[in-house]
Amino acid sequence: MSYLPAEIPAAKVLITVKTYPFPSSDHGEVVCTAGLLNDGKWVRMYPISSSMYDERRYPKYGWVELDLVKHPRDARLESYMPRHGLDEPMRLLSKMGTDDKWAARKEIIQKEVFTSLKQLIELSKTENRSLGTFKPKEIIGLSIEKAEREWDQKLIDKLKQMSFYELNQDGGFKQRRLIRKLPYDFKYKFLSERDDKTRELTIRDWEIGTLFWNCLRQSEGDETEAKKLVHKKYLDEFLEQKDILLFLGTTYEFHMRRVEN
């Protein structure tokens, strides 16, 4: 029995993950988005327009509805694409807040929680799973490492040849500006059940990117101070919460290497 059917018409998805937008040579600027269906099963939606990171239109922990079909070029079980591509109409149904709907949110999120990263890795090989809710045994650090400060120039040049334009105030067209690339990689260090070593995974969520740019403005351009503020938020403040859950997913390249080896 398959994890999900090949087509999911009028799929109702609780958005839980939105990656930091990135340029794609096929689709322009896109966001990899993932969420949970009513039964707690994961679905990854790609490509999704960068309009997805507009929190007013598509808030995190909002229920959205759209037609999905299995992604033809992505063998990961949970990978789907809008039936009509980037122009697929997506309807916001409701938002699950933290005030009166926290219990309902947790009921969906916690239907399947893993405590062993080894188990998730094994499932990626045996069942082709690539998404999961994970509860670390202990989060022990946050590393902030230098990354390339600009998008790949070859990719930018290719985007310039595409219809990567938007209307300006005069009714004409102007080339869209790519979202700024994050100059740092943010990585959680943690322990997992069945592990005897420290694990490290990159945080690719839209929220940490937004936080960094906000902290940089607050610090008047001082990147060292901005990194300290991000560290305080993602390590000190978050660890005050006792019930930490992480949403984990494999990249396509890593997943295929893992499955084929």
Protein backbone atom coordinates (compact mmCIF):
# COMPACT_ATOMS: atom_id res chain seq x y z
CA MET A 1 0.00 0.00 0.00
CA SER A 2 1.40 3.39 -1.03
CA TYR A 3 2.05 6.16 1.47
CA LEU A 4 -0.29 8.53 -0.40
CA PRO A 5 -2.30 8.28 -3.65
CA ALA A 6 -0.78 9.59 -6.87
CA GLU A 7 -3.34 12.40 -6.97
CA ILE A 8 -4.80 14.31 -4.03
CA PRO A 9 -7.62 16.57 -5.28
CA ALA A 10 -8.59 19.42 -2.94
CA ALA A 11 -5.83 18.43 -0.52
CA LYS A 12 -6.11 20.16 2.84
CA VAL A 13 -2.61 20.77 4.20
CA LEU A 14 -1.52 22.31 7.50
CA ILE A 15 1.58 24.32 6.56
CA THR A 16 4.37 23.63 9.07
CA VAL A 17 7.55 24.19 7.03
CA LYS A 18 8.56 26.96 4.63
CA THR A 19 12.17 27.04 3.54
CA TYR A 20 14.11 30.21 2.88
CA PRO A 21 13.39 31.09 -0.80
CA PHE A 22 16.00 30.14 -3.36
CA PRO A 23 16.45 30.68 -7.10
CA SER A 24 15.64 27.78 -9.41
CA SER A 25 16.80 27.53 -13.00
CA ASP A 26 13.45 25.97 -13.90
CA HIS A 27 10.94 27.99 -11.89
CA GLY A 28 12.52 31.31 -10.88
CA GLU A 29 12.35 32.03 -7.16
CA VAL A 30 10.63 29.25 -5.24
CA VAL A 31 9.93 27.98 -1.74
CA CYS A 32 9.97 24.33 -0.69
CA THR A 33 6.91 23.93 1.52
CA ALA A 34 5.80 20.99 3.63
CA GLY A 35 2.87 20.22 5.88
CA LEU A 36 0.58 17.62 7.33
CA LEU A 37 -2.69 16.20 6.08
CA ASN A 38 -5.58 15.53 8.44
CA ASP A 39 -4.35 11.99 9.08
CA GLY A 40 -0.91 13.25 10.12
CA LYS A 41 0.87 12.16 6.93
CA TRP A 42 3.51 14.48 5.52
CA VAL A 43 3.41 16.07 2.10
CA ARG A 44 6.11 18.19 0.45
CA MET A 45 4.88 20.71 -2.14
CA TYR A 46 7.35 21.82 -4.78
CA PRO A 47 7.61 24.06 -6.70
CA ILE A 48 5.63 26.68 -4.82
CA SER A 49 5.84 30.38 -5.72
CA SER A 50 7.82 32.65 -3.42
CA SER A 51 4.48 34.34 -2.63
CA MET A 52 4.17 31.48 -0.10
CA TYR A 53 6.40 33.38 2.32
CA ASP A 54 3.80 36.16 2.56
CA GLU A 55 2.52 35.41 6.07
CA ARG A 56 -0.63 37.46 5.51
CA ARG A 57 -1.70 35.24 2.60
CA TYR A 58 -0.29 31.89 3.69
CA PRO A 59 0.56 31.89 7.41
CA LYS A 60 2.49 29.10 9.03
CA TYR A 61 0.07 26.71 10.72
CA GLY A 62 -2.58 27.75 8.25
CA TRP A 63 -4.78 25.18 6.54
CA VAL A 64 -4.63 25.57 2.75
CA GLU A 65 -6.42 23.73 -0.01
CA LEU A 66 -5.07 22.86 -3.47
CA ASP A 67 -4.93 20.01 -5.99
CA LEU A 68 -1.75 17.94 -5.74
CA VAL A 69 -0.16 15.28 -7.95
CA LYS A 70 2.90 13.11 -7.30
CA HIS A 71 6.04 14.88 -8.43
CA PRO A 72 7.23 13.06 -11.58
CA ARG A 73 10.93 13.79 -11.02
CA ASP A 74 11.16 13.30 -7.26
CA ALA A 75 10.92 9.74 -5.96
CA ARG A 76 10.65 10.75 -2.30
CA LEU A 77 7.33 9.44 -0.98
CA GLU A 78 6.02 12.78 0.23
CA SER A 79 6.98 14.93 -2.78
CA TYR A 80 4.04 16.41 -4.68
CA MET A 81 3.48 19.38 -6.95
CA PRO A 82 0.48 21.63 -7.59
CA ARG A 83 -1.50 20.16 -10.46
CA HIS A 84 -1.33 23.42 -12.41
CA GLY A 85 2.22 24.39 -11.43
CA LEU A 86 3.16 27.69 -9.84
CA ASP A 87 -0.14 29.23 -10.93
CA GLU A 88 -2.17 26.69 -8.94
CA PRO A 89 -4.79 28.57 -6.93
CA MET A 90 -4.27 27.95 -3.23
CA ARG A 91 -7.05 28.80 -0.82
CA LEU A 92 -6.43 29.66 2.82
CA LEU A 93 -9.07 27.88 4.89
CA SER A 94 -8.14 28.83 8.45
CA LYS A 95 -5.22 29.42 10.80
CA MET A 96 -4.42 27.43 13.93
CA GLY A 97 -3.19 29.93 16.51
CA THR A 98 -1.49 29.22 19.81
CA ASP A 99 -4.16 30.69 22.04
CA ASP A 100 -7.26 28.53 21.79
CA LYS A 101 -6.03 26.04 19.16
CA TRP A 102 -2.66 24.94 20.57
CA ALA A 103 -4.03 21.56 21.66
CA ALA A 104 -5.54 20.97 18.21
CA ARG A 105 -2.24 21.92 16.56
CA LYS A 106 -0.30 19.49 18.76
CA GLU A 107 -2.80 16.73 18.01
CA ILE A 108 -1.93 16.92 14.31
CA ILE A 109 1.81 17.46 14.75
CA GLN A 110 2.33 14.69 17.30
CA LYS A 111 0.56 11.87 15.52
CA GLU A 112 3.98 10.44 14.63
CA VAL A 113 7.07 11.60 16.50
CA PHE A 114 10.53 10.03 16.16
CA THR A 115 13.17 10.15 18.89
CA SER A 116 15.95 8.43 16.93
CA LEU A 117 17.61 10.05 13.92
CA LYS A 118 19.03 6.64 13.06
CA GLN A 119 15.47 5.35 12.65
CA LEU A 120 14.57 8.18 10.30
CA ILE A 121 17.68 7.51 8.23
CA GLU A 122 16.81 3.81 8.07
CA LEU A 123 13.28 4.65 6.91
CA SER A 124 14.70 6.85 4.17
CA LYS A 125 16.41 3.76 2.78
CA THR A 126 13.79 1.08 3.43
CA GLU A 127 10.58 3.05 2.82
CA ASN A 128 11.84 6.11 0.91
CA ARG A 129 10.58 8.40 3.67
CA SER A 130 12.08 11.88 3.69
CA LEU A 131 10.09 13.93 6.22
CA GLY A 132 9.36 13.48 9.90
CA THR A 133 8.69 15.10 13.24
CA PHE A 134 11.65 14.59 15.54
CA LYS A 135 12.14 15.07 19.28
CA PRO A 136 15.87 15.37 20.11
CA LYS A 137 17.23 13.87 23.29
CA GLU A 138 19.13 17.10 23.93
CA ILE A 139 19.99 20.20 21.94
CA ILE A 140 23.53 21.14 22.90
CA GLY A 141 24.47 23.99 20.60
CA LEU A 142 23.88 26.24 17.62
CA SER A 143 26.72 26.86 15.17
CA ILE A 144 26.72 29.79 12.76
CA GLU A 145 29.12 29.27 9.87
CA LYS A 146 30.12 31.47 6.96
CA ALA A 147 28.47 30.67 3.63
CA GLU A 148 28.69 32.08 0.12
CA ARG A 149 27.39 35.64 0.29
CA GLU A 150 25.87 35.73 -3.19
CA TRP A 151 23.79 33.39 -5.33
CA ASP A 152 25.66 31.51 -8.05
CA GLN A 153 26.28 33.92 -10.93
CA LYS A 154 25.55 31.31 -13.62
CA LEU A 155 22.14 30.74 -12.09
CA ILE A 156 21.46 34.49 -11.90
CA ASP A 157 22.42 34.87 -15.56
CA LYS A 158 20.01 32.08 -16.50
CA LEU A 159 17.20 33.72 -14.55
CA LYS A 160 17.79 36.94 -16.48
CA GLN A 161 16.93 35.03 -19.63
CA MET A 162 13.63 33.87 -18.13
CA SER A 163 10.45 35.87 -17.61
CA PHE A 164 11.66 36.97 -14.21
CA TYR A 165 9.89 40.31 -14.30
CA GLU A 166 7.17 42.20 -12.44
CA LEU A 167 5.04 45.29 -13.06
CA ASN A 168 6.37 48.63 -11.89
CA GLN A 169 4.33 51.64 -10.77
CA ASP A 170 4.15 53.00 -14.33
CA GLY A 171 2.58 49.85 -15.70
CA GLY A 172 5.78 48.71 -17.38
CA PHE A 173 7.98 45.75 -16.54
CA LYS A 174 11.14 45.63 -14.48
CA GLN A 175 13.40 42.75 -13.60
CA ARG A 176 12.58 41.29 -10.21
CA ARG A 177 15.22 41.37 -7.51
CA LEU A 178 16.13 38.06 -5.98
CA ILE A 179 15.74 37.76 -2.25
CA ARG A 180 19.06 38.28 -0.49
CA LYS A 181 21.15 35.20 0.11
CA LEU A 182 21.90 34.43 3.73
CA PRO A 183 25.65 34.85 4.34
CA TYR A 184 25.63 32.23 7.11
CA ASP A 185 24.50 28.65 7.65
CA PHE A 186 22.72 28.00 10.95
CA LYS A 187 23.05 24.48 12.39
CA TYR A 188 21.62 22.80 15.46
CA LYS A 189 23.89 20.40 17.33
CA PHE A 190 22.00 17.73 19.27
CA LEU A 191 21.89 14.22 20.68
CA SER A 192 19.40 11.59 19.57
CA GLU A 193 18.22 8.29 21.02
CA ARG A 194 20.38 5.32 19.89
CA ASP A 195 23.26 7.72 19.23
CA ASP A 196 26.68 7.90 20.82
CA LYS A 197 27.79 11.01 18.93
CA THR A 198 26.70 14.58 18.41
CA ARG A 199 24.53 15.22 15.36
CA GLU A 200 24.37 18.44 13.35
CA LEU A 201 21.68 19.59 10.91
CA THR A 202 21.25 22.82 8.97
CA ILE A 203 18.19 24.97 9.70
CA ARG A 204 16.69 25.99 6.35
CA ASP A 205 13.49 27.52 7.66
CA TRP A 206 12.23 30.85 6.36
CA GLU A 207 11.88 32.13 9.92
CA ILE A 208 15.57 31.99 10.78
CA GLY A 209 16.40 33.95 7.65
CA THR A 210 13.85 36.61 8.51
CA LEU A 211 15.18 36.73 12.07
CA PHE A 212 18.75 37.27 10.89
CA TRP A 213 17.83 40.20 8.64
CA ASN A 214 15.71 41.75 11.41
CA CYS A 215 18.57 41.35 13.89
CA LEU A 216 20.98 42.89 11.38
CA ARG A 217 18.77 45.96 11.06
CA GLN A 218 18.42 46.14 14.84
CA SER A 219 22.22 45.95 15.12
CA GLU A 220 22.68 48.67 12.49
CA GLY A 221 24.55 46.34 10.15
CA ASP A 222 26.79 44.70 12.76
CA GLU A 223 26.80 41.02 11.70
CA THR A 224 28.57 39.85 14.85
CA GLU A 225 25.86 41.37 17.03
CA ALA A 226 23.13 40.04 14.72
CA LYS A 227 24.52 36.51 15.05
CA LYS A 228 24.51 36.85 18.85
CA LEU A 229 20.82 37.80 18.77
CA VAL A 230 19.95 34.83 16.54
CA HIS A 231 21.92 32.54 18.85
CA LYS A 232 20.03 33.88 21.87
CA LYS A 233 16.66 33.33 20.20
CA TYR A 234 17.27 29.86 18.74
CA LEU A 235 19.25 28.43 21.63
CA ASP A 236 18.68 30.25 24.92
CA GLU A 237 15.02 31.25 24.48
CA PHE A 238 13.83 28.17 22.58
CA LEU A 239 15.46 25.80 25.05
CA GLU A 240 13.41 27.31 27.84
CA GLN A 241 10.54 25.40 26.26
CA LYS A 242 10.53 21.83 27.49
CA ASP A 243 8.75 20.19 24.54
CA ILE A 244 11.00 20.90 21.54
CA LEU A 245 10.03 19.26 18.25
CA LEU A 246 11.93 19.63 14.99
CA PHE A 247 10.60 19.07 11.47
CA LEU A 248 13.28 17.19 9.52
CA GLY A 249 13.55 16.64 5.79
CA THR A 250 16.17 15.42 3.36
CA THR A 251 17.31 17.38 0.33
CA TYR A 252 16.75 15.60 -2.97
CA GLU A 253 20.49 15.12 -3.65
CA PHE A 254 21.27 13.79 -0.17
CA HIS A 255 18.24 11.51 -0.17
CA MET A 256 19.07 9.90 -3.51
CA ARG A 257 22.67 9.27 -2.42
CA ARG A 258 21.37 7.75 0.81
CA VAL A 259 18.90 5.45 -1.01
CA GLU A 260 21.34 4.36 -3.71
CA ASN A 261 24.22 3.51 -1.33
